[in-house]
Amino acid sequence: MNKWIPITERLPEPGGYILLSFENYTLADIGRYEKDEDGSGAFYPGDEDESYASIDLFVNAWMPLPKPYRPDDSMEAEEMLTL
């Protein structure tokens, strides 16, 4: 199970999509963390070029996205055993 990681503890790897929490907004959003050439970083919504900070949303924590849904293969294997 994934847990929220405060940005004060650790920042995510740049480039991948993650789930973001905000200190001034109640809903989470999917975004990404990118580093600039000078080494500073910012969080961006989806594929947008404007950062969350530029629209006055302040990220306070993040977590990896869950794995996509896949049908449960264990049920299929169990059904084959009863045949």
PDB file of N, CA and C in Angstrom:
ATOM      1  N   MET A   1       0.838  -1.184   0.000  1.00  0.00           N
ATOM      2  CA  MET A   1       0.000   0.000   0.000  1.00  0.00           C
ATOM      3  C   MET A   1       0.885   1.250   0.000  1.00  0.00           C
ATOM      4  N   ASN A   2       0.576   2.180  -0.868  1.00  0.00           N
ATOM      5  CA  ASN A   2       1.344   3.415  -0.967  1.00  0.00           C
ATOM      6  C   ASN A   2       0.908   4.387   0.115  1.00  0.00           C
ATOM      7  N   LYS A   3       1.852   5.153   0.624  1.00  0.00           N
ATOM      8  CA  LYS A   3       1.576   6.189   1.605  1.00  0.00           C
ATOM      9  C   LYS A   3       2.080   7.515   1.071  1.00  0.00           C
ATOM     10  N   TRP A   4       1.467   8.590   1.547  1.00  0.00           N
ATOM     11  CA  TRP A   4       1.898   9.926   1.156  1.00  0.00           C
ATOM     12  C   TRP A   4       3.317  10.171   1.650  1.00  0.00           C
ATOM     13  N   ILE A   5       4.126  10.782   0.802  1.00  0.00           N
ATOM     14  CA  ILE A   5       5.503  11.135   1.132  1.00  0.00           C
ATOM     15  C   ILE A   5       5.592  12.662   1.136  1.00  0.00           C
ATOM     16  N   PRO A   6       5.810  13.272   2.306  1.00  0.00           N
ATOM     17  CA  PRO A   6       5.931  14.734   2.342  1.00  0.00           C
ATOM     18  C   PRO A   6       7.128  15.194   1.509  1.00  0.00           C
ATOM     19  N   ILE A   7       6.967  16.312   0.816  1.00  0.00           N
ATOM     20  CA  ILE A   7       8.076  16.808  -0.012  1.00  0.00           C
ATOM     21  C   ILE A   7       9.241  17.270   0.840  1.00  0.00           C
ATOM     22  N   THR A   8       9.007  17.503   2.137  1.00  0.00           N
ATOM     23  CA  THR A   8      10.102  17.868   3.037  1.00  0.00           C
ATOM     24  C   THR A   8      10.989  16.659   3.340  1.00  0.00           C
ATOM     25  N   GLU A   9      10.454  15.440   3.160  1.00  0.00           N
ATOM     26  CA  GLU A   9      11.233  14.217   3.386  1.00  0.00           C
ATOM     27  C   GLU A   9      11.990  13.777   2.144  1.00  0.00           C
ATOM     28  N   ARG A  10      11.286  13.832   1.003  1.00  0.00           N
ATOM     29  CA  ARG A  10      11.895  13.324  -0.238  1.00  0.00           C
ATOM     30  C   ARG A  10      11.097  13.831  -1.433  1.00  0.00           C
ATOM     31  N   LEU A  11      11.809  14.152  -2.495  1.00  0.00           N
ATOM     32  CA  LEU A  11      11.162  14.540  -3.752  1.00  0.00           C
ATOM     33  C   LEU A  11      11.125  13.335  -4.686  1.00  0.00           C
ATOM     34  N   PRO A  12      10.145  13.281  -5.574  1.00  0.00           N
ATOM     35  CA  PRO A  12      10.076  12.152  -6.514  1.00  0.00           C
ATOM     36  C   PRO A  12      11.152  12.260  -7.593  1.00  0.00           C
ATOM     37  N   GLU A  13      11.374  11.155  -8.279  1.00  0.00           N
ATOM     38  CA  GLU A  13      12.267  11.170  -9.432  1.00  0.00           C
ATOM     39  C   GLU A  13      11.620  12.045 -10.514  1.00  0.00           C
ATOM     40  N   PRO A  14      12.383  12.855 -11.198  1.00  0.00           N
ATOM     41  CA  PRO A  14      11.821  13.706 -12.255  1.00  0.00           C
ATOM     42  C   PRO A  14      11.250  12.887 -13.413  1.00  0.00           C
ATOM     43  N   GLY A  15      10.185  13.414 -14.002  1.00  0.00           N
ATOM     44  CA  GLY A  15       9.660  12.876 -15.253  1.00  0.00           C
ATOM     45  C   GLY A  15       8.494  11.927 -15.169  1.00  0.00           C
ATOM     46  N   GLY A  16       8.355  11.170 -14.116  1.00  0.00           N
ATOM     47  CA  GLY A  16       7.263  10.204 -14.033  1.00  0.00           C
ATOM     48  C   GLY A  16       6.000  10.826 -13.458  1.00  0.00           C
ATOM     49  N   TYR A  17       4.871  10.219 -13.749  1.00  0.00           N
ATOM     50  CA  TYR A  17       3.604  10.700 -13.209  1.00  0.00           C
ATOM     51  C   TYR A  17       3.400  10.169 -11.804  1.00  0.00           C
ATOM     52  N   ILE A  18       2.870  11.045 -10.936  1.00  0.00           N
ATOM     53  CA  ILE A  18       2.644  10.728  -9.535  1.00  0.00           C
ATOM     54  C   ILE A  18       1.336  11.351  -9.079  1.00  0.00           C
ATOM     55  N   LEU A  19       0.853  10.908  -7.934  1.00  0.00           N
ATOM     56  CA  LEU A  19      -0.331  11.495  -7.323  1.00  0.00           C
ATOM     57  C   LEU A  19       0.138  12.576  -6.362  1.00  0.00           C
ATOM     58  N   LEU A  20      -0.475  13.751  -6.443  1.00  0.00           N
ATOM     59  CA  LEU A  20      -0.039  14.904  -5.656  1.00  0.00           C
ATOM     60  C   LEU A  20      -1.118  15.372  -4.695  1.00  0.00           C
ATOM     61  N   SER A  21      -0.685  15.795  -3.521  1.00  0.00           N
ATOM     62  CA  SER A  21      -1.540  16.402  -2.506  1.00  0.00           C
ATOM     63  C   SER A  21      -1.129  17.874  -2.386  1.00  0.00           C
ATOM     64  N   PHE A  22      -2.082  18.719  -2.011  1.00  0.00           N
ATOM     65  CA  PHE A  22      -1.815  20.156  -1.935  1.00  0.00           C
ATOM     66  C   PHE A  22      -2.139  20.698  -0.552  1.00  0.00           C
ATOM     67  N   GLU A  23      -1.364  21.681  -0.118  1.00  0.00           N
ATOM     68  CA  GLU A  23      -1.641  22.289   1.180  1.00  0.00           C
ATOM     69  C   GLU A  23      -2.825  23.236   1.131  1.00  0.00           C
ATOM     70  N   ASN A  24      -3.217  23.693  -0.046  1.00  0.00           N
ATOM     71  CA  ASN A  24      -4.298  24.669  -0.145  1.00  0.00           C
ATOM     72  C   ASN A  24      -5.422  24.225  -1.093  1.00  0.00           C
ATOM     73  N   TYR A  25      -5.575  22.923  -1.284  1.00  0.00           N
ATOM     74  CA  TYR A  25      -6.641  22.393  -2.138  1.00  0.00           C
ATOM     75  C   TYR A  25      -6.972  20.988  -1.651  1.00  0.00           C
ATOM     76  N   THR A  26      -8.245  20.635  -1.610  1.00  0.00           N
ATOM     77  CA  THR A  26      -8.644  19.373  -0.980  1.00  0.00           C
ATOM     78  C   THR A  26      -8.544  18.142  -1.869  1.00  0.00           C
ATOM     79  N   LEU A  27      -8.551  18.301  -3.184  1.00  0.00           N
ATOM     80  CA  LEU A  27      -8.493  17.148  -4.077  1.00  0.00           C
ATOM     81  C   LEU A  27      -7.063  16.857  -4.519  1.00  0.00           C
ATOM     82  N   ALA A  28      -6.743  15.587  -4.670  1.00  0.00           N
ATOM     83  CA  ALA A  28      -5.443  15.186  -5.209  1.00  0.00           C
ATOM     84  C   ALA A  28      -5.481  15.295  -6.733  1.00  0.00           C
ATOM     85  N   ASP A  29      -4.312  15.303  -7.355  1.00  0.00           N
ATOM     86  CA  ASP A  29      -4.228  15.405  -8.807  1.00  0.00           C
ATOM     87  C   ASP A  29      -3.029  14.584  -9.292  1.00  0.00           C
ATOM     88  N   ILE A  30      -3.084  14.178 -10.542  1.00  0.00           N
ATOM     89  CA  ILE A  30      -1.963  13.470 -11.160  1.00  0.00           C
ATOM     90  C   ILE A  30      -1.086  14.499 -11.864  1.00  0.00           C
ATOM     91  N   GLY A  31       0.182  14.474 -11.537  1.00  0.00           N
ATOM     92  CA  GLY A  31       1.111  15.425 -12.129  1.00  0.00           C
ATOM     93  C   GLY A  31       2.489  14.810 -12.225  1.00  0.00           C
ATOM     94  N   ARG A  32       3.481  15.679 -12.375  1.00  0.00           N
ATOM     95  CA  ARG A  32       4.859  15.213 -12.500  1.00  0.00           C
ATOM     96  C   ARG A  32       5.792  16.235 -11.873  1.00  0.00           C
ATOM     97  N   TYR A  33       6.985  15.786 -11.540  1.00  0.00           N
ATOM     98  CA  TYR A  33       8.031  16.651 -10.997  1.00  0.00           C
ATOM     99  C   TYR A  33       9.121  16.748 -12.053  1.00  0.00           C
ATOM    100  N   GLU A  34       9.561  17.958 -12.347  1.00  0.00           N
ATOM    101  CA  GLU A  34      10.619  18.179 -13.343  1.00  0.00           C
ATOM    102  C   GLU A  34      11.697  19.070 -12.753  1.00  0.00           C
ATOM    103  N   LYS A  35      12.941  18.809 -13.121  1.00  0.00           N
ATOM    104  CA  LYS A  35      14.054  19.658 -12.718  1.00  0.00           C
ATOM    105  C   LYS A  35      14.478  20.529 -13.891  1.00  0.00           C
ATOM    106  N   ASP A  36      14.866  21.770 -13.571  1.00  0.00           N
ATOM    107  CA  ASP A  36      15.378  22.697 -14.578  1.00  0.00           C
ATOM    108  C   ASP A  36      16.867  22.458 -14.780  1.00  0.00           C
ATOM    109  N   GLU A  37      17.440  23.136 -15.771  1.00  0.00           N
ATOM    110  CA  GLU A  37      18.874  23.012 -16.048  1.00  0.00           C
ATOM    111  C   GLU A  37      19.727  23.440 -14.854  1.00  0.00           C
ATOM    112  N   ASP A  38      19.215  24.390 -14.056  1.00  0.00           N
ATOM    113  CA  ASP A  38      19.976  24.869 -12.891  1.00  0.00           C
ATOM    114  C   ASP A  38      19.811  23.974 -11.660  1.00  0.00           C
ATOM    115  N   GLY A  39      19.015  22.888 -11.802  1.00  0.00           N
ATOM    116  CA  GLY A  39      18.845  21.933 -10.711  1.00  0.00           C
ATOM    117  C   GLY A  39      17.638  22.177  -9.825  1.00  0.00           C
ATOM    118  N   SER A  40      16.957  23.321 -10.001  1.00  0.00           N
ATOM    119  CA  SER A  40      15.751  23.552  -9.210  1.00  0.00           C
ATOM    120  C   SER A  40      14.596  22.772  -9.838  1.00  0.00           C
ATOM    121  N   GLY A  41      13.592  22.447  -9.045  1.00  0.00           N
ATOM    122  CA  GLY A  41      12.499  21.637  -9.550  1.00  0.00           C
ATOM    123  C   GLY A  41      11.146  22.266  -9.309  1.00  0.00           C
ATOM    124  N   ALA A  42      10.146  21.735 -10.012  1.00  0.00           N
ATOM    125  CA  ALA A  42       8.770  22.204  -9.863  1.00  0.00           C
ATOM    126  C   ALA A  42       7.826  21.063 -10.223  1.00  0.00           C
ATOM    127  N   PHE A  43       6.602  21.154  -9.700  1.00  0.00           N
ATOM    128  CA  PHE A  43       5.544  20.190 -10.002  1.00  0.00           C
ATOM    129  C   PHE A  43       4.628  20.760 -11.074  1.00  0.00           C
ATOM    130  N   TYR A  44       4.215  19.892 -12.003  1.00  0.00           N
ATOM    131  CA  TYR A  44       3.383  20.304 -13.130  1.00  0.00           C
ATOM    132  C   TYR A  44       2.170  19.392 -13.248  1.00  0.00           C
ATOM    133  N   PRO A  45       1.004  19.972 -13.596  1.00  0.00           N
ATOM    134  CA  PRO A  45      -0.170  19.130 -13.825  1.00  0.00           C
ATOM    135  C   PRO A  45      -0.051  18.378 -15.150  1.00  0.00           C
ATOM    136  N   GLY A  46      -0.258  17.069 -15.131  1.00  0.00           N
ATOM    137  CA  GLY A  46      -0.256  16.264 -16.354  1.00  0.00           C
ATOM    138  C   GLY A  46       0.881  16.605 -17.285  1.00  0.00           C
ATOM    139  N   ASP A  47       0.538  16.981 -18.510  1.00  0.00           N
ATOM    140  CA  ASP A  47       1.533  17.342 -19.527  1.00  0.00           C
ATOM    141  C   ASP A  47       1.659  18.854 -19.708  1.00  0.00           C
ATOM    142  N   GLU A  48       1.122  19.619 -18.777  1.00  0.00           N
ATOM    143  CA  GLU A  48       1.109  21.080 -18.897  1.00  0.00           C
ATOM    144  C   GLU A  48       2.506  21.673 -18.736  1.00  0.00           C
ATOM    145  N   ASP A  49       2.690  22.864 -19.287  1.00  0.00           N
ATOM    146  CA  ASP A  49       3.964  23.574 -19.188  1.00  0.00           C
ATOM    147  C   ASP A  49       3.999  24.551 -18.015  1.00  0.00           C
ATOM    148  N   GLU A  50       2.830  24.927 -17.480  1.00  0.00           N
ATOM    149  CA  GLU A  50       2.773  25.835 -16.337  1.00  0.00           C
ATOM    150  C   GLU A  50       2.749  25.018 -15.057  1.00  0.00           C
ATOM    151  N   SER A  51       3.538  25.432 -14.079  1.00  0.00           N
ATOM    152  CA  SER A  51       3.638  24.692 -12.824  1.00  0.00           C
ATOM    153  C   SER A  51       2.409  24.932 -11.949  1.00  0.00           C
ATOM    154  N   TYR A  52       2.219  24.036 -10.969  1.00  0.00           N
ATOM    155  CA  TYR A  52       1.147  24.239  -9.995  1.00  0.00           C
ATOM    156  C   TYR A  52       1.342  25.557  -9.249  1.00  0.00           C
ATOM    157  N   ALA A  53       2.587  25.886  -8.898  1.00  0.00           N
ATOM    158  CA  ALA A  53       2.861  27.124  -8.164  1.00  0.00           C
ATOM    159  C   ALA A  53       2.402  28.349  -8.950  1.00  0.00           C
ATOM    160  N   SER A  54       2.496  28.292 -10.279  1.00  0.00           N
ATOM    161  CA  SER A  54       2.087  29.441 -11.094  1.00  0.00           C
ATOM    162  C   SER A  54       0.580  29.677 -11.050  1.00  0.00           C
ATOM    163  N   ILE A  55      -0.180  28.653 -10.618  1.00  0.00           N
ATOM    164  CA  ILE A  55      -1.635  28.813 -10.464  1.00  0.00           C
ATOM    165  C   ILE A  55      -2.024  28.750  -8.979  1.00  0.00           C
ATOM    166  N   ASP A  56      -1.040  29.058  -8.126  1.00  0.00           N
ATOM    167  CA  ASP A  56      -1.225  29.151  -6.672  1.00  0.00           C
ATOM    168  C   ASP A  56      -1.703  27.870  -6.005  1.00  0.00           C
ATOM    169  N   LEU A  57      -1.234  26.723  -6.491  1.00  0.00           N
ATOM    170  CA  LEU A  57      -1.461  25.439  -5.820  1.00  0.00           C
ATOM    171  C   LEU A  57      -0.104  24.959  -5.320  1.00  0.00           C
ATOM    172  N   PHE A  58      -0.041  24.578  -4.044  1.00  0.00           N
ATOM    173  CA  PHE A  58       1.230  24.252  -3.419  1.00  0.00           C
ATOM    174  C   PHE A  58       1.259  22.804  -2.970  1.00  0.00           C
ATOM    175  N   VAL A  59       2.117  22.025  -3.612  1.00  0.00           N
ATOM    176  CA  VAL A  59       2.250  20.596  -3.333  1.00  0.00           C
ATOM    177  C   VAL A  59       2.892  20.425  -1.958  1.00  0.00           C
ATOM    178  N   ASN A  60       2.273  19.538  -1.135  1.00  0.00           N
ATOM    179  CA  ASN A  60       2.874  19.242   0.160  1.00  0.00           C
ATOM    180  C   ASN A  60       3.283  17.780   0.313  1.00  0.00           C
ATOM    181  N   ALA A  61       2.769  16.908  -0.553  1.00  0.00           N
ATOM    182  CA  ALA A  61       3.114  15.486  -0.483  1.00  0.00           C
ATOM    183  C   ALA A  61       2.809  14.830  -1.826  1.00  0.00           C
ATOM    184  N   TRP A  62       3.376  13.635  -2.005  1.00  0.00           N
ATOM    185  CA  TRP A  62       3.171  12.887  -3.253  1.00  0.00           C
ATOM    186  C   TRP A  62       3.203  11.394  -2.940  1.00  0.00           C
ATOM    187  N   MET A  63       2.740  10.593  -3.888  1.00  0.00           N
ATOM    188  CA  MET A  63       2.862   9.141  -3.792  1.00  0.00           C
ATOM    189  C   MET A  63       2.875   8.563  -5.197  1.00  0.00           C
ATOM    190  N   PRO A  64       3.496   7.388  -5.365  1.00  0.00           N
ATOM    191  CA  PRO A  64       3.462   6.740  -6.675  1.00  0.00           C
ATOM    192  C   PRO A  64       2.026   6.400  -7.056  1.00  0.00           C
ATOM    193  N   LEU A  65       1.760   6.377  -8.339  1.00  0.00           N
ATOM    194  CA  LEU A  65       0.436   5.963  -8.802  1.00  0.00           C
ATOM    195  C   LEU A  65       0.257   4.467  -8.563  1.00  0.00           C
ATOM    196  N   PRO A  66      -0.960   4.040  -8.263  1.00  0.00           N
ATOM    197  CA  PRO A  66      -1.178   2.591  -8.122  1.00  0.00           C
ATOM    198  C   PRO A  66      -1.030   1.909  -9.470  1.00  0.00           C
ATOM    199  N   LYS A  67      -0.816   0.608  -9.433  1.00  0.00           N
ATOM    200  CA  LYS A  67      -0.733  -0.159 -10.684  1.00  0.00           C
ATOM    201  C   LYS A  67      -2.114  -0.168 -11.343  1.00  0.00           C
ATOM    202  N   PRO A  68      -2.164  -0.179 -12.670  1.00  0.00           N
ATOM    203  CA  PRO A  68      -3.454  -0.230 -13.366  1.00  0.00           C
ATOM    204  C   PRO A  68      -4.224  -1.514 -13.010  1.00  0.00           C
ATOM    205  N   TYR A  69      -5.518  -1.441 -13.072  1.00  0.00           N
ATOM    206  CA  TYR A  69      -6.371  -2.589 -12.797  1.00  0.00           C
ATOM    207  C   TYR A  69      -6.105  -3.690 -13.814  1.00  0.00           C
ATOM    208  N   ARG A  70      -6.015  -4.894 -13.336  1.00  0.00           N
ATOM    209  CA  ARG A  70      -5.909  -6.095 -14.174  1.00  0.00           C
ATOM    210  C   ARG A  70      -6.872  -7.116 -13.606  1.00  0.00           C
ATOM    211  N   PRO A  71      -7.575  -7.856 -14.435  1.00  0.00           N
ATOM    212  CA  PRO A  71      -8.450  -8.907 -13.908  1.00  0.00           C
ATOM    213  C   PRO A  71      -7.644  -9.854 -13.027  1.00  0.00           C
ATOM    214  N   ASP A  72      -8.266 -10.368 -12.011  1.00  0.00           N
ATOM    215  CA  ASP A  72      -7.588 -11.219 -11.041  1.00  0.00           C
ATOM    216  C   ASP A  72      -7.282 -12.583 -11.640  1.00  0.00           C
ATOM    217  N   ASP A  73      -6.011 -12.827 -11.922  1.00  0.00           N
ATOM    218  CA  ASP A  73      -5.587 -14.098 -12.509  1.00  0.00           C
ATOM    219  C   ASP A  73      -5.714 -15.248 -11.523  1.00  0.00           C
ATOM    220  N   SER A  74      -5.708 -14.960 -10.223  1.00  0.00           N
ATOM    221  CA  SER A  74      -5.789 -16.034  -9.241  1.00  0.00           C
ATOM    222  C   SER A  74      -7.146 -16.734  -9.305  1.00  0.00           C
ATOM    223  N   MET A  75      -8.213 -16.010  -9.604  1.00  0.00           N
ATOM    224  CA  MET A  75      -9.542 -16.626  -9.734  1.00  0.00           C
ATOM    225  C   MET A  75      -9.562 -17.581 -10.923  1.00  0.00           C
ATOM    226  N   GLU A  76      -8.944 -17.184 -12.010  1.00  0.00           N
ATOM    227  CA  GLU A  76      -8.902 -18.035 -13.198  1.00  0.00           C
ATOM    228  C   GLU A  76      -8.156 -19.336 -12.906  1.00  0.00           C
ATOM    229  N   ALA A  77      -7.042 -19.237 -12.191  1.00  0.00           N
ATOM    230  CA  ALA A  77      -6.278 -20.437 -11.855  1.00  0.00           C
ATOM    231  C   ALA A  77      -7.070 -21.330 -10.907  1.00  0.00           C
ATOM    232  N   GLU A  78      -7.788 -20.714  -9.969  1.00  0.00           N
ATOM    233  CA  GLU A  78      -8.600 -21.478  -9.030  1.00  0.00           C
ATOM    234  C   GLU A  78      -9.732 -22.222  -9.748  1.00  0.00           C
ATOM    235  N   GLU A  79     -10.357 -21.570 -10.720  1.00  0.00           N
ATOM    236  CA  GLU A  79     -11.445 -22.208 -11.481  1.00  0.00           C
ATOM    237  C   GLU A  79     -10.920 -23.392 -12.278  1.00  0.00           C
ATOM    238  N   MET A  80      -9.692 -23.283 -12.811  1.00  0.00           N
ATOM    239  CA  MET A  80      -9.123 -24.376 -13.584  1.00  0.00           C
ATOM    240  C   MET A  80      -8.874 -25.609 -12.711  1.00  0.00           C
ATOM    241  N   LEU A  81      -8.562 -25.386 -11.436  1.00  0.00           N
ATOM    242  CA  LEU A  81      -8.308 -26.502 -10.519  1.00  0.00           C
ATOM    243  C   LEU A  81      -9.580 -27.306 -10.230  1.00  0.00           C
ATOM    244  N   THR A  82     -10.746 -26.643 -10.295  1.00  0.00           N
ATOM    245  CA  THR A  82     -11.997 -27.333  -9.973  1.00  0.00           C
ATOM    246  C   THR A  82     -12.596 -28.039 -11.166  1.00  0.00           C
ATOM    247  N   LEU A  83     -12.027 -27.892 -12.341  1.00  0.00           N
ATOM    248  CA  LEU A  83     -12.567 -28.557 -13.541  1.00  0.00           C
ATOM    249  C   LEU A  83     -12.219 -30.010 -13.606  1.00  0.00           C
TER     250      LEU A  83
END
